[in-house]
Amino acid sequence: MTRAELVKTFQEATQLPANQAQEYLERFGDIAAAELLGGGEVPLPGVGKLVIKKRAARKGRNPKTGEPLNIPAKKALTVNLSKDFKESFN
């Protein structure tokens, strides 16, 4: 789904004018980003929640040369799916 398709689908579902639907989705994105960067979680009703998880540093191996290397610690965005959503596509 493209951004334009998302705006159109949201606009049709809410019966809002297209420019207002786009503004609402942009504000949601801003709010979600701020919450995630602040260490919080963002619920997505019917789907699950967005969470930022910390990954520890670890040792890895270059698959081409076999040389060992260190992979630094980092943060990654993950989606924790709701039980109902997970069951619906399995």
C-alpha atoms as a PDB file:
ATOM      1  CA  MET A   1       0.000   0.000   0.000  1.00  0.00           C
ATOM      2  CA  THR A   2       1.360   3.386  -0.929  1.00  0.00           C
ATOM      3  CA  ARG A   3       0.998   6.511   1.173  1.00  0.00           C
ATOM      4  CA  ALA A   4      -1.604   7.896  -1.260  1.00  0.00           C
ATOM      5  CA  GLU A   5      -3.595   4.660  -1.068  1.00  0.00           C
ATOM      6  CA  LEU A   6      -3.481   4.780   2.732  1.00  0.00           C
ATOM      7  CA  VAL A   7      -4.750   8.371   2.765  1.00  0.00           C
ATOM      8  CA  LYS A   8      -7.524   7.493   0.302  1.00  0.00           C
ATOM      9  CA  THR A   9      -8.600   4.411   2.273  1.00  0.00           C
ATOM     10  CA  PHE A  10      -8.558   6.370   5.548  1.00  0.00           C
ATOM     11  CA  GLN A  11     -10.491   9.205   3.939  1.00  0.00           C
ATOM     12  CA  GLU A  12     -13.161   6.830   2.614  1.00  0.00           C
ATOM     13  CA  ALA A  13     -13.450   5.004   5.949  1.00  0.00           C
ATOM     14  CA  THR A  14     -13.845   8.207   7.976  1.00  0.00           C
ATOM     15  CA  GLN A  15     -15.722  10.330   5.428  1.00  0.00           C
ATOM     16  CA  LEU A  16     -13.225  13.148   6.001  1.00  0.00           C
ATOM     17  CA  PRO A  17     -12.029  15.509   3.268  1.00  0.00           C
ATOM     18  CA  ALA A  18      -8.810  14.192   1.655  1.00  0.00           C
ATOM     19  CA  ASN A  19      -6.604  16.999   2.984  1.00  0.00           C
ATOM     20  CA  GLN A  20      -7.907  16.514   6.524  1.00  0.00           C
ATOM     21  CA  ALA A  21      -7.399  12.735   6.339  1.00  0.00           C
ATOM     22  CA  GLN A  22      -3.803  13.282   5.223  1.00  0.00           C
ATOM     23  CA  GLU A  23      -3.223  15.758   8.060  1.00  0.00           C
ATOM     24  CA  TYR A  24      -4.592  13.283  10.643  1.00  0.00           C
ATOM     25  CA  LEU A  25      -2.310  10.519   9.385  1.00  0.00           C
ATOM     26  CA  GLU A  26       0.706  12.848   9.444  1.00  0.00           C
ATOM     27  CA  ARG A  27      -0.083  13.902  13.025  1.00  0.00           C
ATOM     28  CA  PHE A  28      -0.430  10.222  14.024  1.00  0.00           C
ATOM     29  CA  GLY A  29       3.019   9.574  12.540  1.00  0.00           C
ATOM     30  CA  ASP A  30       4.491  12.492  14.476  1.00  0.00           C
ATOM     31  CA  ILE A  31       2.905  11.332  17.731  1.00  0.00           C
ATOM     32  CA  ALA A  32       4.026   7.721  17.199  1.00  0.00           C
ATOM     33  CA  ALA A  33       7.612   8.759  16.413  1.00  0.00           C
ATOM     34  CA  ALA A  34       7.798  11.007  19.484  1.00  0.00           C
ATOM     35  CA  GLU A  35       6.446   8.252  21.731  1.00  0.00           C
ATOM     36  CA  LEU A  36       8.862   5.639  20.365  1.00  0.00           C
ATOM     37  CA  LEU A  37      11.870   7.957  20.604  1.00  0.00           C
ATOM     38  CA  GLY A  38      10.857   8.702  24.190  1.00  0.00           C
ATOM     39  CA  GLY A  39      11.010   4.999  25.065  1.00  0.00           C
ATOM     40  CA  GLY A  40       7.294   4.270  24.931  1.00  0.00           C
ATOM     41  CA  GLU A  41       5.086   1.910  22.942  1.00  0.00           C
ATOM     42  CA  VAL A  42       2.517   2.721  20.263  1.00  0.00           C
ATOM     43  CA  PRO A  43      -0.622   0.547  20.168  1.00  0.00           C
ATOM     44  CA  LEU A  44      -2.101  -0.306  16.774  1.00  0.00           C
ATOM     45  CA  PRO A  45      -5.653  -1.492  17.496  1.00  0.00           C
ATOM     46  CA  GLY A  46      -6.400  -4.832  15.892  1.00  0.00           C
ATOM     47  CA  VAL A  47      -2.732  -5.380  14.936  1.00  0.00           C
ATOM     48  CA  GLY A  48      -0.473  -5.121  17.988  1.00  0.00           C
ATOM     49  CA  LYS A  49       2.011  -2.518  19.176  1.00  0.00           C
ATOM     50  CA  LEU A  50       5.208  -0.876  17.984  1.00  0.00           C
ATOM     51  CA  VAL A  51       8.146  -1.112  20.388  1.00  0.00           C
ATOM     52  CA  ILE A  52      11.821  -0.137  20.231  1.00  0.00           C
ATOM     53  CA  LYS A  53      14.020  -2.972  21.537  1.00  0.00           C
ATOM     54  CA  LYS A  54      17.688  -2.838  22.431  1.00  0.00           C
ATOM     55  CA  ARG A  55      19.961  -5.403  20.797  1.00  0.00           C
ATOM     56  CA  ALA A  56      23.132  -6.326  22.647  1.00  0.00           C
ATOM     57  CA  ALA A  57      26.546  -6.244  21.007  1.00  0.00           C
ATOM     58  CA  ARG A  58      27.611  -9.638  19.711  1.00  0.00           C
ATOM     59  CA  LYS A  59      30.250 -11.436  17.715  1.00  0.00           C
ATOM     60  CA  GLY A  60      29.526 -12.314  14.127  1.00  0.00           C
ATOM     61  CA  ARG A  61      31.276 -13.680  11.089  1.00  0.00           C
ATOM     62  CA  ASN A  62      31.698 -12.258   7.601  1.00  0.00           C
ATOM     63  CA  PRO A  63      29.908 -14.863   5.439  1.00  0.00           C
ATOM     64  CA  LYS A  64      32.175 -14.192   2.444  1.00  0.00           C
ATOM     65  CA  THR A  65      35.577 -14.417   4.145  1.00  0.00           C
ATOM     66  CA  GLY A  66      34.729 -16.217   7.388  1.00  0.00           C
ATOM     67  CA  GLU A  67      36.520 -13.465   9.311  1.00  0.00           C
ATOM     68  CA  PRO A  68      35.173 -12.832  12.835  1.00  0.00           C
ATOM     69  CA  LEU A  69      33.802  -9.345  13.527  1.00  0.00           C
ATOM     70  CA  ASN A  70      32.093  -7.419  16.292  1.00  0.00           C
ATOM     71  CA  ILE A  71      28.509  -6.303  15.738  1.00  0.00           C
ATOM     72  CA  PRO A  72      27.760  -3.207  17.852  1.00  0.00           C
ATOM     73  CA  ALA A  73      24.733  -2.800  20.098  1.00  0.00           C
ATOM     74  CA  LYS A  74      21.792  -0.963  18.553  1.00  0.00           C
ATOM     75  CA  LYS A  75      18.092  -0.274  18.847  1.00  0.00           C
ATOM     76  CA  ALA A  76      15.523  -1.741  16.460  1.00  0.00           C
ATOM     77  CA  LEU A  77      11.838  -1.108  15.834  1.00  0.00           C
ATOM     78  CA  THR A  78       9.714  -4.222  16.303  1.00  0.00           C
ATOM     79  CA  VAL A  79       6.031  -5.038  16.037  1.00  0.00           C
ATOM     80  CA  ASN A  80       4.492  -7.177  18.766  1.00  0.00           C
ATOM     81  CA  LEU A  81       1.464  -8.732  17.082  1.00  0.00           C
ATOM     82  CA  SER A  82      -1.771  -9.219  18.976  1.00  0.00           C
ATOM     83  CA  LYS A  83      -2.894 -12.786  19.565  1.00  0.00           C
ATOM     84  CA  ASP A  84      -6.034 -12.397  17.423  1.00  0.00           C
ATOM     85  CA  PHE A  85      -4.134 -10.861  14.505  1.00  0.00           C
ATOM     86  CA  LYS A  86      -1.433 -13.520  14.640  1.00  0.00           C
ATOM     87  CA  GLU A  87      -4.043 -16.298  14.630  1.00  0.00           C
ATOM     88  CA  SER A  88      -5.934 -14.736  11.723  1.00  0.00           C
ATOM     89  CA  PHE A  89      -3.114 -15.248   9.224  1.00  0.00           C
ATOM     90  CA  ASN A  90      -1.764 -18.597  10.492  1.00  0.00           C
END
